[in-house]
PDB file of all heavy atoms in Angstrom:
ATOM      1  N   SER A   1     284.264 -46.898 116.969  1.00  0.00           N
ATOM      2  CA  SER A   1     285.707 -46.760 116.837  1.00  0.00           C
ATOM      3  C   SER A   1     286.200 -45.674 117.776  1.00  0.00           C
ATOM      4  O   SER A   1     285.488 -44.711 118.058  1.00  0.00           O
ATOM      5  CB  SER A   1     286.096 -46.398 115.400  1.00  0.00           C
ATOM      6  OG  SER A   1     285.714 -47.404 114.493  1.00  0.00           O
ATOM      7  N   CYS A   2     287.424 -45.830 118.243  1.00  0.00           N
ATOM      8  CA  CYS A   2     288.075 -44.841 119.091  1.00  0.00           C
ATOM      9  C   CYS A   2     289.503 -44.681 118.609  1.00  0.00           C
ATOM     10  O   CYS A   2     290.287 -45.638 118.674  1.00  0.00           O
ATOM     11  CB  CYS A   2     288.036 -45.276 120.556  1.00  0.00           C
ATOM     12  SG  CYS A   2     288.964 -44.225 121.686  1.00  0.00           S
ATOM     13  N   VAL A   3     289.839 -43.496 118.133  1.00  0.00           N
ATOM     14  CA  VAL A   3     291.169 -43.209 117.615  1.00  0.00           C
ATOM     15  C   VAL A   3     291.949 -42.420 118.659  1.00  0.00           C
ATOM     16  O   VAL A   3     291.462 -41.409 119.174  1.00  0.00           O
ATOM     17  CB  VAL A   3     291.097 -42.430 116.293  1.00  0.00           C
ATOM     18  CG1 VAL A   3     292.496 -42.124 115.784  1.00  0.00           C
ATOM     19  CG2 VAL A   3     290.323 -43.229 115.256  1.00  0.00           C
ATOM     20  N   ALA A   4     293.157 -42.879 118.962  1.00  0.00           N
ATOM     21  CA  ALA A   4     294.007 -42.261 119.971  1.00  0.00           C
ATOM     22  C   ALA A   4     295.183 -41.546 119.335  1.00  0.00           C
ATOM     23  O   ALA A   4     295.702 -41.961 118.300  1.00  0.00           O
ATOM     24  CB  ALA A   4     294.516 -43.312 120.952  1.00  0.00           C
ATOM     25  N   SER A   5     295.614 -40.472 119.983  1.00  0.00           N
ATOM     26  CA  SER A   5     296.796 -39.743 119.548  1.00  0.00           C
ATOM     27  C   SER A   5     297.454 -39.091 120.752  1.00  0.00           C
ATOM     28  O   SER A   5     296.829 -38.927 121.803  1.00  0.00           O
ATOM     29  CB  SER A   5     296.447 -38.686 118.500  1.00  0.00           C
ATOM     30  OG  SER A   5     295.566 -37.710 119.042  1.00  0.00           O
ATOM     31  N   GLY A   6     298.725 -38.727 120.616  1.00  0.00           N
ATOM     32  CA  GLY A   6     299.418 -37.969 121.643  1.00  0.00           C
ATOM     33  C   GLY A   6     300.388 -38.748 122.516  1.00  0.00           C
ATOM     34  O   GLY A   6     301.243 -38.150 123.147  1.00  0.00           O
ATOM     35  N   ARG A   7     300.260 -40.063 122.571  1.00  0.00           N
ATOM     36  CA  ARG A   7     301.151 -40.920 123.340  1.00  0.00           C
ATOM     37  C   ARG A   7     301.351 -42.235 122.591  1.00  0.00           C
ATOM     38  O   ARG A   7     300.869 -42.396 121.479  1.00  0.00           O
ATOM     39  CB  ARG A   7     300.606 -41.171 124.746  1.00  0.00           C
ATOM     40  CG  ARG A   7     300.599 -39.952 125.661  1.00  0.00           C
ATOM     41  CD  ARG A   7     302.001 -39.541 126.051  1.00  0.00           C
ATOM     42  NE  ARG A   7     302.603 -40.483 126.989  1.00  0.00           N
ATOM     43  CZ  ARG A   7     303.874 -40.443 127.380  1.00  0.00           C
ATOM     44  NH1 ARG A   7     304.682 -39.516 126.899  1.00  0.00           N
ATOM     45  NH2 ARG A   7     304.328 -41.343 128.237  1.00  0.00           N
ATOM     46  N   THR A   8     302.053 -43.158 123.231  1.00  0.00           N
ATOM     47  CA  THR A   8     302.283 -44.475 122.636  1.00  0.00           C
ATOM     48  C   THR A   8     301.068 -45.347 122.890  1.00  0.00           C
ATOM     49  O   THR A   8     300.900 -45.911 123.971  1.00  0.00           O
ATOM     50  CB  THR A   8     303.541 -45.125 123.214  1.00  0.00           C
ATOM     51  OG1 THR A   8     304.660 -44.257 123.021  1.00  0.00           O
ATOM     52  CG2 THR A   8     303.830 -46.451 122.520  1.00  0.00           C
ATOM     53  N   PHE A   9     300.212 -45.469 121.882  1.00  0.00           N
ATOM     54  CA  PHE A   9     298.949 -46.164 122.027  1.00  0.00           C
ATOM     55  C   PHE A   9     299.129 -47.612 122.444  1.00  0.00           C
ATOM     56  O   PHE A   9     298.348 -48.139 123.247  1.00  0.00           O
ATOM     57  CB  PHE A   9     298.158 -46.066 120.717  1.00  0.00           C
ATOM     58  CG  PHE A   9     296.887 -46.852 120.702  1.00  0.00           C
ATOM     59  CD1 PHE A   9     295.774 -46.402 121.386  1.00  0.00           C
ATOM     60  CD2 PHE A   9     296.795 -48.036 119.991  1.00  0.00           C
ATOM     61  CE1 PHE A   9     294.590 -47.120 121.369  1.00  0.00           C
ATOM     62  CE2 PHE A   9     295.623 -48.761 119.966  1.00  0.00           C
ATOM     63  CZ  PHE A   9     294.520 -48.297 120.658  1.00  0.00           C
ATOM     64  N   SER A  10     300.134 -48.284 121.931  1.00  0.00           N
ATOM     65  CA  SER A  10     300.294 -49.711 122.180  1.00  0.00           C
ATOM     66  C   SER A  10     300.584 -50.041 123.635  1.00  0.00           C
ATOM     67  O   SER A  10     300.431 -51.193 124.043  1.00  0.00           O
ATOM     68  CB  SER A  10     301.389 -50.290 121.285  1.00  0.00           C
ATOM     69  OG  SER A  10     302.637 -49.671 121.546  1.00  0.00           O
ATOM     70  N   SER A  11     300.985 -49.064 124.445  1.00  0.00           N
ATOM     71  CA  SER A  11     301.276 -49.307 125.848  1.00  0.00           C
ATOM     72  C   SER A  11     300.056 -49.144 126.755  1.00  0.00           C
ATOM     73  O   SER A  11     300.162 -49.360 127.964  1.00  0.00           O
ATOM     74  CB  SER A  11     302.389 -48.376 126.328  1.00  0.00           C
ATOM     75  OG  SER A  11     301.948 -47.031 126.363  1.00  0.00           O
ATOM     76  N   TYR A  12     298.913 -48.799 126.210  1.00  0.00           N
ATOM     77  CA  TYR A  12     297.713 -48.488 126.986  1.00  0.00           C
ATOM     78  C   TYR A  12     296.727 -49.639 126.994  1.00  0.00           C
ATOM     79  O   TYR A  12     296.471 -50.270 125.971  1.00  0.00           O
ATOM     80  CB  TYR A  12     297.006 -47.258 126.416  1.00  0.00           C
ATOM     81  CG  TYR A  12     297.643 -45.942 126.781  1.00  0.00           C
ATOM     82  CD1 TYR A  12     298.799 -45.501 126.151  1.00  0.00           C
ATOM     83  CD2 TYR A  12     297.069 -45.136 127.754  1.00  0.00           C
ATOM     84  CE1 TYR A  12     299.383 -44.292 126.493  1.00  0.00           C
ATOM     85  CE2 TYR A  12     297.635 -43.923 128.101  1.00  0.00           C
ATOM     86  CZ  TYR A  12     298.791 -43.504 127.462  1.00  0.00           C
ATOM     87  OH  TYR A  12     299.346 -42.297 127.804  1.00  0.00           O
ATOM     88  N   ALA A  13     296.159 -49.892 128.181  1.00  0.00           N
ATOM     89  CA  ALA A  13     294.921 -50.644 128.251  1.00  0.00           C
ATOM     90  C   ALA A  13     293.784 -49.721 127.825  1.00  0.00           C
ATOM     91  O   ALA A  13     293.784 -48.534 128.158  1.00  0.00           O
ATOM     92  CB  ALA A  13     294.678 -51.169 129.664  1.00  0.00           C
ATOM     93  N   MET A  14     292.824 -50.267 127.099  1.00  0.00           N
ATOM     94  CA  MET A  14     291.713 -49.482 126.576  1.00  0.00           C
ATOM     95  C   MET A  14     290.397 -50.051 127.072  1.00  0.00           C
ATOM     96  O   MET A  14     290.246 -51.267 127.191  1.00  0.00           O
ATOM     97  CB  MET A  14     291.721 -49.476 125.051  1.00  0.00           C
ATOM     98  CG  MET A  14     293.012 -48.971 124.425  1.00  0.00           C
ATOM     99  SD  MET A  14     293.308 -47.209 124.754  1.00  0.00           S
ATOM    100  CE  MET A  14     291.902 -46.470 123.918  1.00  0.00           C
ATOM    101  N   GLY A  15     289.448 -49.170 127.331  1.00  0.00           N
ATOM    102  CA  GLY A  15     288.152 -49.601 127.814  1.00  0.00           C
ATOM    103  C   GLY A  15     287.009 -48.861 127.146  1.00  0.00           C
ATOM    104  O   GLY A  15     287.185 -47.767 126.605  1.00  0.00           O
ATOM    105  N   TRP A  16     285.841 -49.489 127.181  1.00  0.00           N
ATOM    106  CA  TRP A  16     284.590 -48.863 126.766  1.00  0.00           C
ATOM    107  C   TRP A  16     283.646 -48.825 127.960  1.00  0.00           C
ATOM    108  O   TRP A  16     283.489 -49.833 128.665  1.00  0.00           O
ATOM    109  CB  TRP A  16     283.926 -49.625 125.619  1.00  0.00           C
ATOM    110  CG  TRP A  16     284.584 -49.456 124.285  1.00  0.00           C
ATOM    111  CD1 TRP A  16     285.452 -50.302 123.683  1.00  0.00           C
ATOM    112  CD2 TRP A  16     284.400 -48.358 123.383  1.00  0.00           C
ATOM    113  NE1 TRP A  16     285.833 -49.814 122.459  1.00  0.00           N
ATOM    114  CE2 TRP A  16     285.202 -48.622 122.252  1.00  0.00           C
ATOM    115  CE3 TRP A  16     283.634 -47.188 123.419  1.00  0.00           C
ATOM    116  CZ2 TRP A  16     285.264 -47.749 121.158  1.00  0.00           C
ATOM    117  CZ3 TRP A  16     283.699 -46.323 122.341  1.00  0.00           C
ATOM    118  CH2 TRP A  16     284.508 -46.613 121.230  1.00  0.00           C
ATOM    119  N   PHE A  17     283.028 -47.674 128.167  1.00  0.00           N
ATOM    120  CA  PHE A  17     282.038 -47.474 129.217  1.00  0.00           C
ATOM    121  C   PHE A  17     280.809 -46.828 128.610  1.00  0.00           C
ATOM    122  O   PHE A  17     280.867 -46.258 127.524  1.00  0.00           O
ATOM    123  CB  PHE A  17     282.608 -46.599 130.339  1.00  0.00           C
ATOM    124  CG  PHE A  17     283.727 -47.246 131.097  1.00  0.00           C
ATOM    125  CD1 PHE A  17     285.010 -47.288 130.583  1.00  0.00           C
ATOM    126  CD2 PHE A  17     283.494 -47.839 132.332  1.00  0.00           C
ATOM    127  CE1 PHE A  17     286.041 -47.896 131.270  1.00  0.00           C
ATOM    128  CE2 PHE A  17     284.523 -48.451 133.033  1.00  0.00           C
ATOM    129  CZ  PHE A  17     285.789 -48.481 132.502  1.00  0.00           C
ATOM    130  N   ARG A  18     279.690 -46.911 129.318  1.00  0.00           N
ATOM    131  CA  ARG A  18     278.478 -46.275 128.821  1.00  0.00           C
ATOM    132  C   ARG A  18     277.694 -45.667 129.970  1.00  0.00           C
ATOM    133  O   ARG A  18     277.753 -46.131 131.103  1.00  0.00           O
ATOM    134  CB  ARG A  18     277.606 -47.263 128.041  1.00  0.00           C
ATOM    135  CG  ARG A  18     277.038 -48.404 128.870  1.00  0.00           C
ATOM    136  CD  ARG A  18     276.359 -49.425 127.964  1.00  0.00           C
ATOM    137  NE  ARG A  18     275.730 -50.501 128.708  1.00  0.00           N
ATOM    138  CZ  ARG A  18     275.174 -51.563 128.152  1.00  0.00           C
ATOM    139  NH1 ARG A  18     275.165 -51.691 126.819  1.00  0.00           N
ATOM    140  NH2 ARG A  18     274.617 -52.508 128.908  1.00  0.00           N
ATOM    141  N   GLN A  19     276.949 -44.623 129.650  1.00  0.00           N
ATOM    142  CA  GLN A  19     276.155 -43.925 130.645  1.00  0.00           C
ATOM    143  C   GLN A  19     274.814 -43.534 130.048  1.00  0.00           C
ATOM    144  O   GLN A  19     274.752 -42.795 129.066  1.00  0.00           O
ATOM    145  CB  GLN A  19     276.892 -42.681 131.151  1.00  0.00           C
ATOM    146  CG  GLN A  19     276.213 -42.004 132.325  1.00  0.00           C
ATOM    147  CD  GLN A  19     277.109 -40.983 133.000  1.00  0.00           C
ATOM    148  OE1 GLN A  19     278.074 -40.496 132.409  1.00  0.00           O
ATOM    149  NE2 GLN A  19     276.812 -40.665 134.241  1.00  0.00           N
ATOM    150  N   ALA A  20     273.748 -44.054 130.642  1.00  0.00           N
ATOM    151  CA  ALA A  20     272.389 -43.721 130.253  1.00  0.00           C
ATOM    152  C   ALA A  20     271.869 -42.602 131.151  1.00  0.00           C
ATOM    153  O   ALA A  20     272.372 -42.405 132.262  1.00  0.00           O
ATOM    154  CB  ALA A  20     271.491 -44.948 130.353  1.00  0.00           C
ATOM    155  N   PRO A  21     270.845 -41.857 130.705  1.00  0.00           N
ATOM    156  CA  PRO A  21     270.299 -40.787 131.536  1.00  0.00           C
ATOM    157  C   PRO A  21     269.871 -41.292 132.909  1.00  0.00           C
ATOM    158  O   PRO A  21     269.174 -42.301 133.022  1.00  0.00           O
ATOM    159  CB  PRO A  21     269.101 -40.292 130.731  1.00  0.00           C
ATOM    160  CG  PRO A  21     269.443 -40.620 129.317  1.00  0.00           C
ATOM    161  CD  PRO A  21     270.188 -41.920 129.392  1.00  0.00           C
ATOM    162  N   GLY A  22     270.316 -40.604 133.956  1.00  0.00           N
ATOM    163  CA  GLY A  22     269.967 -40.972 135.308  1.00  0.00           C
ATOM    164  C   GLY A  22     270.696 -42.178 135.853  1.00  0.00           C
ATOM    165  O   GLY A  22     270.366 -42.649 136.949  1.00  0.00           O
ATOM    166  N   LYS A  23     271.684 -42.689 135.123  1.00  0.00           N
ATOM    167  CA  LYS A  23     272.415 -43.877 135.532  1.00  0.00           C
ATOM    168  C   LYS A  23     273.890 -43.560 135.749  1.00  0.00           C
ATOM    169  O   LYS A  23     274.397 -42.539 135.301  1.00  0.00           O
ATOM    170  CB  LYS A  23     272.291 -44.978 134.485  1.00  0.00           C
ATOM    171  CG  LYS A  23     270.871 -45.359 134.117  1.00  0.00           C
ATOM    172  CD  LYS A  23     270.162 -46.049 135.252  1.00  0.00           C
ATOM    173  CE  LYS A  23     268.786 -46.523 134.822  1.00  0.00           C
ATOM    174  NZ  LYS A  23     268.080 -47.216 135.930  1.00  0.00           N
ATOM    175  N   ASP A  24     274.577 -44.466 136.443  1.00  0.00           N
ATOM    176  CA  ASP A  24     276.024 -44.360 136.604  1.00  0.00           C
ATOM    177  C   ASP A  24     276.727 -44.708 135.302  1.00  0.00           C
ATOM    178  O   ASP A  24     276.146 -45.319 134.403  1.00  0.00           O
ATOM    179  CB  ASP A  24     276.508 -45.306 137.706  1.00  0.00           C
ATOM    180  CG  ASP A  24     275.995 -44.962 139.073  1.00  0.00           C
ATOM    181  OD1 ASP A  24     275.752 -43.768 139.336  1.00  0.00           O
ATOM    182  OD2 ASP A  24     275.843 -45.884 139.896  1.00  0.00           O
ATOM    183  N   ARG A  25     277.992 -44.321 135.225  1.00  0.00           N
ATOM    184  CA  ARG A  25     278.812 -44.728 134.100  1.00  0.00           C
ATOM    185  C   ARG A  25     279.275 -46.165 134.328  1.00  0.00           C
ATOM    186  O   ARG A  25     280.011 -46.442 135.280  1.00  0.00           O
ATOM    187  CB  ARG A  25     280.009 -43.795 133.932  1.00  0.00           C
ATOM    188  CG  ARG A  25     280.852 -44.093 132.709  1.00  0.00           C
ATOM    189  CD  ARG A  25     281.860 -42.984 132.426  1.00  0.00           C
ATOM    190  NE  ARG A  25     281.209 -41.729 132.091  1.00  0.00           N
ATOM    191  CZ  ARG A  25     281.844 -40.654 131.656  1.00  0.00           C
ATOM    192  NH1 ARG A  25     283.153 -40.674 131.490  1.00  0.00           N
ATOM    193  NH2 ARG A  25     281.163 -39.544 131.399  1.00  0.00           N
ATOM    194  N   ASP A  26     278.845 -47.080 133.463  1.00  0.00           N
ATOM    195  CA  ASP A  26     279.046 -48.504 133.663  1.00  0.00           C
ATOM    196  C   ASP A  26     280.113 -49.062 132.737  1.00  0.00           C
ATOM    197  O   ASP A  26     280.258 -48.643 131.588  1.00  0.00           O
ATOM    198  CB  ASP A  26     277.752 -49.281 133.430  1.00  0.00           C
ATOM    199  CG  ASP A  26     276.699 -49.011 134.483  1.00  0.00           C
ATOM    200  OD1 ASP A  26     277.064 -48.704 135.630  1.00  0.00           O
ATOM    201  OD2 ASP A  26     275.502 -49.123 134.166  1.00  0.00           O
ATOM    202  N   PHE A  27     280.811 -50.056 133.240  1.00  0.00           N
ATOM    203  CA  PHE A  27     281.806 -50.786 132.465  1.00  0.00           C
ATOM    204  C   PHE A  27     281.144 -51.600 131.361  1.00  0.00           C
ATOM    205  O   PHE A  27     280.098 -52.216 131.574  1.00  0.00           O
ATOM    206  CB  PHE A  27     282.593 -51.711 133.392  1.00  0.00           C
ATOM    207  CG  PHE A  27     283.434 -52.726 132.685  1.00  0.00           C
ATOM    208  CD1 PHE A  27     284.603 -52.357 132.049  1.00  0.00           C
ATOM    209  CD2 PHE A  27     283.066 -54.056 132.660  1.00  0.00           C
ATOM    210  CE1 PHE A  27     285.389 -53.286 131.395  1.00  0.00           C
ATOM    211  CE2 PHE A  27     283.834 -54.998 132.015  1.00  0.00           C
ATOM    212  CZ  PHE A  27     284.999 -54.612 131.386  1.00  0.00           C
ATOM    213  N   VAL A  28     281.755 -51.619 130.184  1.00  0.00           N
ATOM    214  CA  VAL A  28     281.278 -52.415 129.062  1.00  0.00           C
ATOM    215  C   VAL A  28     282.306 -53.470 128.667  1.00  0.00           C
ATOM    216  O   VAL A  28     282.006 -54.664 128.629  1.00  0.00           O
ATOM    217  CB  VAL A  28     280.940 -51.541 127.842  1.00  0.00           C
ATOM    218  CG1 VAL A  28     280.544 -52.402 126.649  1.00  0.00           C
ATOM    219  CG2 VAL A  28     279.824 -50.559 128.186  1.00  0.00           C
ATOM    220  N   ALA A  29     283.534 -53.037 128.360  1.00  0.00           N
ATOM    221  CA  ALA A  29     284.565 -53.961 127.906  1.00  0.00           C
ATOM    222  C   ALA A  29     285.928 -53.313 128.062  1.00  0.00           C
ATOM    223  O   ALA A  29     286.050 -52.086 128.088  1.00  0.00           O
ATOM    224  CB  ALA A  29     284.344 -54.368 126.448  1.00  0.00           C
ATOM    225  N   THR A  30     286.976 -54.131 128.145  1.00  0.00           N
ATOM    226  CA  THR A  30     288.341 -53.628 128.216  1.00  0.00           C
ATOM    227  C   THR A  30     289.279 -54.608 127.528  1.00  0.00           C
ATOM    228  O   THR A  30     288.959 -55.794 127.391  1.00  0.00           O
ATOM    229  CB  THR A  30     288.775 -53.381 129.673  1.00  0.00           C
ATOM    230  OG1 THR A  30     290.058 -52.750 129.709  1.00  0.00           O
ATOM    231  CG2 THR A  30     288.833 -54.687 130.460  1.00  0.00           C
ATOM    232  N   ILE A  31     290.441 -54.113 127.117  1.00  0.00           N
ATOM    233  CA  ILE A  31     291.410 -54.915 126.375  1.00  0.00           C
ATOM    234  C   ILE A  31     292.818 -54.457 126.734  1.00  0.00           C
ATOM    235  O   ILE A  31     293.065 -53.262 126.914  1.00  0.00           O
ATOM    236  CB  ILE A  31     291.141 -54.807 124.851  1.00  0.00           C
ATOM    237  CG1 ILE A  31     292.012 -55.780 124.052  1.00  0.00           C
ATOM    238  CG2 ILE A  31     291.342 -53.375 124.367  1.00  0.00           C
ATOM    239  CD1 ILE A  31     291.566 -55.896 122.595  1.00  0.00           C
ATOM    240  N   ASN A  32     293.744 -55.408 126.867  1.00  0.00           N
ATOM    241  CA  ASN A  32     295.109 -55.056 127.229  1.00  0.00           C
ATOM    242  C   ASN A  32     295.899 -54.597 126.001  1.00  0.00           C
ATOM    243  O   ASN A  32     295.391 -54.583 124.879  1.00  0.00           O
ATOM    244  CB  ASN A  32     295.798 -56.233 127.933  1.00  0.00           C
ATOM    245  CG  ASN A  32     296.286 -57.291 126.966  1.00  0.00           C
ATOM    246  OD1 ASN A  32     295.597 -57.648 126.016  1.00  0.00           O
ATOM    247  ND2 ASN A  32     297.490 -57.801 127.211  1.00  0.00           N
ATOM    248  N   TRP A  33     297.161 -54.257 126.224  1.00  0.00           N
ATOM    249  CA  TRP A  33     297.970 -53.631 125.168  1.00  0.00           C
ATOM    250  C   TRP A  33     298.137 -54.510 123.942  1.00  0.00           C
ATOM    251  O   TRP A  33     298.196 -54.009 122.819  1.00  0.00           O
ATOM    252  CB  TRP A  33     299.337 -53.234 125.716  1.00  0.00           C
ATOM    253  CG  TRP A  33     300.224 -54.415 126.041  1.00  0.00           C
ATOM    254  CD1 TRP A  33     300.305 -55.078 127.228  1.00  0.00           C
ATOM    255  CD2 TRP A  33     301.151 -55.057 125.157  1.00  0.00           C
ATOM    256  NE1 TRP A  33     301.224 -56.109 127.138  1.00  0.00           N
ATOM    257  CE2 TRP A  33     301.759 -56.110 125.879  1.00  0.00           C
ATOM    258  CE3 TRP A  33     301.533 -54.843 123.827  1.00  0.00           C
ATOM    259  CZ2 TRP A  33     302.719 -56.950 125.313  1.00  0.00           C
ATOM    260  CZ3 TRP A  33     302.487 -55.684 123.265  1.00  0.00           C
ATOM    261  CH2 TRP A  33     303.069 -56.719 124.010  1.00  0.00           C
ATOM    262  N   SER A  34     298.239 -55.825 124.135  1.00  0.00           N
ATOM    263  CA  SER A  34     298.470 -56.740 123.023  1.00  0.00           C
ATOM    264  C   SER A  34     297.179 -57.252 122.394  1.00  0.00           C
ATOM    265  O   SER A  34     297.219 -57.857 121.319  1.00  0.00           O
ATOM    266  CB  SER A  34     299.303 -57.924 123.481  1.00  0.00           C
ATOM    267  OG  SER A  34     298.570 -58.759 124.354  1.00  0.00           O
ATOM    268  N   GLY A  35     296.060 -57.044 123.069  1.00  0.00           N
ATOM    269  CA  GLY A  35     294.792 -57.570 122.597  1.00  0.00           C
ATOM    270  C   GLY A  35     294.496 -58.984 123.046  1.00  0.00           C
ATOM    271  O   GLY A  35     293.439 -59.523 122.715  1.00  0.00           O
ATOM    272  N   GLY A  36     295.408 -59.597 123.819  1.00  0.00           N
ATOM    273  CA  GLY A  36     295.240 -60.974 124.221  1.00  0.00           C
ATOM    274  C   GLY A  36     294.359 -61.195 125.434  1.00  0.00           C
ATOM    275  O   GLY A  36     293.938 -62.326 125.682  1.00  0.00           O
ATOM    276  N   VAL A  37     294.088 -60.149 126.205  1.00  0.00           N
ATOM    277  CA  VAL A  37     293.249 -60.244 127.390  1.00  0.00           C
ATOM    278  C   VAL A  37     292.083 -59.290 127.230  1.00  0.00           C
ATOM    279  O   VAL A  37     292.279 -58.091 127.021  1.00  0.00           O
ATOM    280  CB  VAL A  37     294.032 -59.914 128.674  1.00  0.00           C
ATOM    281  CG1 VAL A  37     293.116 -59.979 129.893  1.00  0.00           C
ATOM    282  CG2 VAL A  37     295.201 -60.868 128.840  1.00  0.00           C
ATOM    283  N   ARG A  38     290.868 -59.828 127.330  1.00  0.00           N
ATOM    284  CA  ARG A  38     289.654 -59.030 127.165  1.00  0.00           C
ATOM    285  C   ARG A  38     288.647 -59.404 128.241  1.00  0.00           C
ATOM    286  O   ARG A  38     288.470 -60.585 128.558  1.00  0.00           O
ATOM    287  CB  ARG A  38     289.038 -59.261 125.780  1.00  0.00           C
ATOM    288  CG  ARG A  38     289.925 -58.809 124.625  1.00  0.00           C
ATOM    289  CD  ARG A  38     289.359 -59.282 123.293  1.00  0.00           C
ATOM    290  NE  ARG A  38     289.376 -60.735 123.199  1.00  0.00           N
ATOM    291  CZ  ARG A  38     290.426 -61.454 122.821  1.00  0.00           C
ATOM    292  NH1 ARG A  38     291.560 -60.844 122.492  1.00  0.00           N
ATOM    293  NH2 ARG A  38     290.356 -62.770 122.769  1.00  0.00           N
ATOM    294  N   TYR A  39     287.976 -58.400 128.791  1.00  0.00           N
ATOM    295  CA  TYR A  39     286.925 -58.605 129.772  1.00  0.00           C
ATOM    296  C   TYR A  39     285.666 -57.891 129.311  1.00  0.00           C
ATOM    297  O   TYR A  39     285.735 -56.836 128.666  1.00  0.00           O
ATOM    298  CB  TYR A  39     287.326 -58.070 131.150  1.00  0.00           C
ATOM    299  CG  TYR A  39     288.545 -58.711 131.760  1.00  0.00           C
ATOM    300  CD1 TYR A  39     289.549 -57.924 132.319  1.00  0.00           C
ATOM    301  CD2 TYR A  39     288.697 -60.089 131.803  1.00  0.00           C
ATOM    302  CE1 TYR A  39     290.664 -58.496 132.895  1.00  0.00           C
ATOM    303  CE2 TYR A  39     289.817 -60.671 132.368  1.00  0.00           C
ATOM    304  CZ  TYR A  39     290.797 -59.871 132.918  1.00  0.00           C
ATOM    305  OH  TYR A  39     291.905 -60.449 133.490  1.00  0.00           O
ATOM    306  N   TYR A  40     284.512 -58.462 129.668  1.00  0.00           N
ATOM    307  CA  TYR A  40     283.226 -57.899 129.291  1.00  0.00           C
ATOM    308  C   TYR A  40     282.286 -57.861 130.484  1.00  0.00           C
ATOM    309  O   TYR A  40     282.341 -58.723 131.360  1.00  0.00           O
ATOM    310  CB  TYR A  40     282.562 -58.733 128.195  1.00  0.00           C
ATOM    311  CG  TYR A  40     283.332 -58.794 126.901  1.00  0.00           C
ATOM    312  CD1 TYR A  40     284.222 -59.822 126.644  1.00  0.00           C
ATOM    313  CD2 TYR A  40     283.148 -57.819 125.920  1.00  0.00           C
ATOM    314  CE1 TYR A  40     284.926 -59.879 125.455  1.00  0.00           C
ATOM    315  CE2 TYR A  40     283.844 -57.874 124.728  1.00  0.00           C
ATOM    316  CZ  TYR A  40     284.734 -58.907 124.499  1.00  0.00           C
ATOM    317  OH  TYR A  40     285.426 -58.956 123.314  1.00  0.00           O
ATOM    318  N   ALA A  41     281.420 -56.864 130.492  1.00  0.00           N
ATOM    319  CA  ALA A  41     280.318 -56.872 131.435  1.00  0.00           C
ATOM    320  C   ALA A  41     279.384 -58.033 131.108  1.00  0.00           C
ATOM    321  O   ALA A  41     279.197 -58.392 129.945  1.00  0.00           O
ATOM    322  CB  ALA A  41     279.551 -55.555 131.378  1.00  0.00           C
ATOM    323  N   ASP A  42     278.782 -58.618 132.146  1.00  0.00           N
ATOM    324  CA  ASP A  42     277.876 -59.742 131.921  1.00  0.00           C
ATOM    325  C   ASP A  42     276.729 -59.370 130.983  1.00  0.00           C
ATOM    326  O   ASP A  42     276.251 -60.207 130.210  1.00  0.00           O
ATOM    327  CB  ASP A  42     277.310 -60.241 133.248  1.00  0.00           C
ATOM    328  CG  ASP A  42     278.339 -60.969 134.087  1.00  0.00           C
ATOM    329  OD1 ASP A  42     279.376 -61.400 133.536  1.00  0.00           O
ATOM    330  OD2 ASP A  42     278.103 -61.113 135.302  1.00  0.00           O
ATOM    331  N   SER A  43     276.297 -58.127 131.027  1.00  0.00           N
ATOM    332  CA  SER A  43     275.154 -57.697 130.237  1.00  0.00           C
ATOM    333  C   SER A  43     275.422 -57.671 128.736  1.00  0.00           C
ATOM    334  O   SER A  43     274.481 -57.662 127.945  1.00  0.00           O
ATOM    335  CB  SER A  43     274.683 -56.314 130.693  1.00  0.00           C
ATOM    336  OG  SER A  43     275.716 -55.359 130.554  1.00  0.00           O
TER     337      SER A  43
END
């Protein structure tokens, strides 16, 4: 879970990324403001 505060949350695109030791920070998933558009890493 990721809880947001401080601005209008509904206007933001949100993403998840991950970083393993010795690795780059990689894209995992993202979602638009309405939740209707979602993208995922192939992995």
